[in-house]
Amino acid sequence: MASRRPLVIIGGQLQQIPAGDTLNVSASEVDVVALTNGSGAAVAIATVGYVSAAGSFSLAKADASGTVEVVGLVRDASIGIAASGNIQTDGVLTASTAQWDAVTGQTGGLTFGAVYFLSAATAGRITTTAPSTTGQFVMRLGKALSTTDFDISILQPILL
C-alpha cells in the first residue's frame, strides 16, 4: 500500500508535509461548550446539565420535558454560581472515583460496562437504573469504560 503524506500550510501555501516531518495531534475529538451556571448552586465535575436559557445551563432531571434535554456533563472540576464553565457533550470524560460517587450516589466510582441514565429522582445525577414510571423519561447518557472513565453518548429521551 502506498503511503500518503498529509497536507499542511507552510508559509501560507498548502503543501504536502515535508519528508521526515511529523504531526503531533490527539487521536480523539471531544466537543465542549462554554455555558454559565444558572442552577443556583455550584456544580461539580460530571454533573448533568441542560440549556435553561441563552448561554446558561441548569441541572437536568428525567421527570419533566423541560429539564430532560441534556446538553452534556460538567467537564471542569467545579463551576460556581453564575460562573462560566465547560460542558462536555461527547467523548470520554475522566473523573476520580470520589467525583463519580458524588454524581452517581454509589461508592467506588462507575460500574465498568454499565449503561448510565439521567436520574428522575435527583437533578444532575446519573444512575444505572432507567426510570420506569409513566410520565418520566428514559435518557441514556453513556457507558462506563472503567471506574473513572465515562463514554458520553447522549441519546434522545423516551417518554414513558
Protein backbone atom coordinates (compact mmCIF):
# COMPACT_ATOMS: atom_id res chain seq x y z
CA MET A 1 0.00 0.00 0.00
CA ALA A 2 1.36 3.40 -0.95
CA SER A 3 1.91 5.86 1.88
CA ARG A 4 0.41 9.30 1.61
CA ARG A 5 1.61 12.47 3.26
CA PRO A 6 -0.96 14.83 4.79
CA LEU A 7 -1.47 18.39 3.59
CA VAL A 8 -0.20 21.24 5.76
CA ILE A 9 0.10 25.01 5.42
CA ILE A 10 3.70 26.22 5.12
CA GLY A 11 4.37 29.92 4.58
CA GLY A 12 0.73 30.47 3.65
CA GLN A 13 0.86 27.74 0.99
CA LEU A 14 -0.98 24.39 1.09
CA GLN A 15 1.62 21.63 0.61
CA GLN A 16 2.29 18.01 1.42
CA ILE A 17 4.12 17.66 4.72
CA PRO A 18 7.87 17.55 4.02
CA ALA A 19 9.53 14.13 4.20
CA GLY A 20 10.81 13.44 7.71
CA ASP A 21 8.37 15.88 9.39
CA THR A 22 5.67 14.52 11.70
CA LEU A 23 2.33 15.70 13.06
CA ASN A 24 1.68 15.57 16.78
CA VAL A 25 -2.10 15.60 17.28
CA SER A 26 -4.65 13.99 19.55
CA ALA A 27 -6.37 10.92 18.12
CA SER A 28 -9.77 11.73 19.58
CA GLU A 29 -12.09 14.68 19.42
CA VAL A 30 -14.19 15.92 22.30
CA ASP A 31 -16.86 18.58 21.94
CA VAL A 32 -17.13 21.13 24.73
CA VAL A 33 -19.46 24.12 25.04
CA ALA A 34 -18.95 27.05 27.44
CA LEU A 35 -22.10 27.90 29.41
CA THR A 36 -22.95 29.88 32.54
CA ASN A 37 -24.13 28.02 35.63
CA GLY A 38 -27.75 29.06 36.12
CA SER A 39 -28.59 26.31 38.61
CA GLY A 40 -28.36 28.46 41.74
CA ALA A 41 -25.59 26.34 43.28
CA ALA A 42 -22.00 25.42 42.49
CA VAL A 43 -21.78 22.22 40.43
CA ALA A 44 -19.06 19.58 40.34
CA ILE A 45 -17.48 17.63 37.51
CA ALA A 46 -19.77 15.09 35.78
CA THR A 47 -22.97 16.84 36.88
CA VAL A 48 -25.58 16.63 34.09
CA GLY A 49 -26.97 19.84 32.65
CA TYR A 50 -29.50 21.14 30.13
CA VAL A 51 -29.61 24.53 28.40
CA SER A 52 -32.03 26.54 30.57
CA ALA A 53 -31.61 29.97 28.93
CA ALA A 54 -29.43 31.51 26.25
CA GLY A 55 -25.86 30.71 27.26
CA SER A 56 -26.84 29.10 30.57
CA PHE A 57 -27.34 25.62 31.97
CA SER A 58 -29.22 24.13 34.91
CA LEU A 59 -29.34 20.64 36.41
CA ALA A 60 -31.08 18.09 34.20
CA LYS A 61 -33.69 15.69 35.56
CA ALA A 62 -35.67 12.94 33.82
CA ASP A 63 -39.05 13.75 35.34
CA ALA A 64 -40.15 16.65 33.08
CA SER A 65 -39.89 17.60 29.42
CA GLY A 66 -38.40 20.98 30.33
CA THR A 67 -35.38 19.51 32.15
CA VAL A 68 -34.64 16.30 30.24
CA GLU A 69 -32.93 17.67 27.10
CA VAL A 70 -29.35 17.06 28.26
CA VAL A 71 -26.59 19.15 26.69
CA GLY A 72 -23.76 17.31 28.45
CA LEU A 73 -21.77 16.74 31.64
CA VAL A 74 -19.71 19.34 33.50
CA ARG A 75 -16.07 18.99 32.42
CA ASP A 76 -14.50 21.42 34.91
CA ALA A 77 -13.70 20.34 38.48
CA SER A 78 -16.34 22.82 39.65
CA ILE A 79 -18.39 25.70 38.23
CA GLY A 80 -19.53 28.34 40.72
CA ILE A 81 -22.91 30.05 40.80
CA ALA A 82 -23.34 32.34 37.76
CA ALA A 83 -19.81 31.43 36.59
CA SER A 84 -18.95 30.24 33.11
CA GLY A 85 -17.62 26.73 32.63
CA ASN A 86 -17.19 23.86 30.21
CA ILE A 87 -19.83 21.26 29.44
CA GLN A 88 -18.64 18.16 27.56
CA THR A 89 -21.16 16.85 25.03
CA ASP A 90 -19.42 13.68 23.84
CA GLY A 91 -16.25 11.62 24.11
CA VAL A 92 -14.63 10.23 27.24
CA LEU A 93 -14.93 12.19 30.49
CA THR A 94 -12.47 11.21 33.22
CA ALA A 95 -13.05 11.93 36.91
CA SER A 96 -11.88 10.35 40.16
CA THR A 97 -13.94 7.61 41.80
CA ALA A 98 -14.90 10.07 44.57
CA GLN A 99 -16.09 12.60 41.97
CA TRP A 100 -18.19 9.93 40.22
CA ASP A 101 -19.57 8.81 43.60
CA ALA A 102 -20.94 12.34 44.14
CA VAL A 103 -22.82 12.16 40.82
CA THR A 104 -23.99 8.53 40.99
CA GLY A 105 -24.69 8.10 44.70
CA GLN A 106 -22.60 4.90 44.53
CA THR A 107 -19.24 4.10 46.09
CA GLY A 108 -16.11 3.07 44.23
CA GLY A 109 -16.73 5.14 41.11
CA LEU A 110 -18.51 3.99 37.99
CA THR A 111 -19.53 0.38 37.40
CA PHE A 112 -17.44 -0.94 34.50
CA GLY A 113 -19.57 -1.73 31.45
CA ALA A 114 -22.76 -0.27 32.93
CA VAL A 115 -25.03 1.99 30.90
CA TYR A 116 -25.99 5.18 32.75
CA PHE A 117 -29.19 7.18 32.52
CA LEU A 118 -30.32 10.60 33.71
CA SER A 119 -31.87 10.35 37.16
CA ALA A 120 -35.58 11.13 37.56
CA ALA A 121 -35.15 11.37 41.34
CA THR A 122 -32.21 13.78 41.76
CA ALA A 123 -31.36 16.69 39.44
CA GLY A 124 -27.91 16.50 37.86
CA ARG A 125 -27.28 12.86 38.80
CA ILE A 126 -26.72 9.73 36.73
CA THR A 127 -27.91 6.21 37.54
CA THR A 128 -27.65 2.66 36.22
CA THR A 129 -31.39 2.24 36.74
CA ALA A 130 -33.52 3.65 33.92
CA PRO A 131 -36.68 5.48 35.01
CA SER A 132 -39.77 3.27 34.78
CA THR A 133 -42.64 5.48 35.92
CA THR A 134 -45.23 6.74 33.43
CA GLY A 135 -44.56 10.40 32.63
CA GLN A 136 -40.82 10.14 33.24
CA PHE A 137 -38.16 9.96 30.53
CA VAL A 138 -35.52 7.33 29.76
CA MET A 139 -32.47 9.41 28.87
CA ARG A 140 -29.38 7.32 28.06
CA LEU A 141 -26.19 9.28 28.74
CA GLY A 142 -23.40 6.79 28.06
CA LYS A 143 -21.39 3.85 29.30
CA ALA A 144 -18.66 3.33 31.90
CA LEU A 145 -15.34 2.28 30.38
CA SER A 146 -13.79 1.91 33.85
CA THR A 147 -14.40 3.19 37.38
CA THR A 148 -13.12 6.62 36.28
CA ASP A 149 -13.80 6.90 32.52
CA PHE A 150 -17.25 7.55 31.06
CA ASP A 151 -18.02 7.48 27.33
CA ILE A 152 -20.63 10.20 26.81
CA SER A 153 -23.15 9.08 24.19
CA ILE A 154 -26.35 11.06 24.73
CA LEU A 155 -29.46 9.68 23.03
CA GLN A 156 -32.91 11.19 22.55
CA PRO A 157 -35.21 10.96 25.60
CA ILE A 158 -38.05 8.41 25.53
CA LEU A 159 -41.25 9.37 27.32
CA LEU A 160 -42.77 6.56 29.36
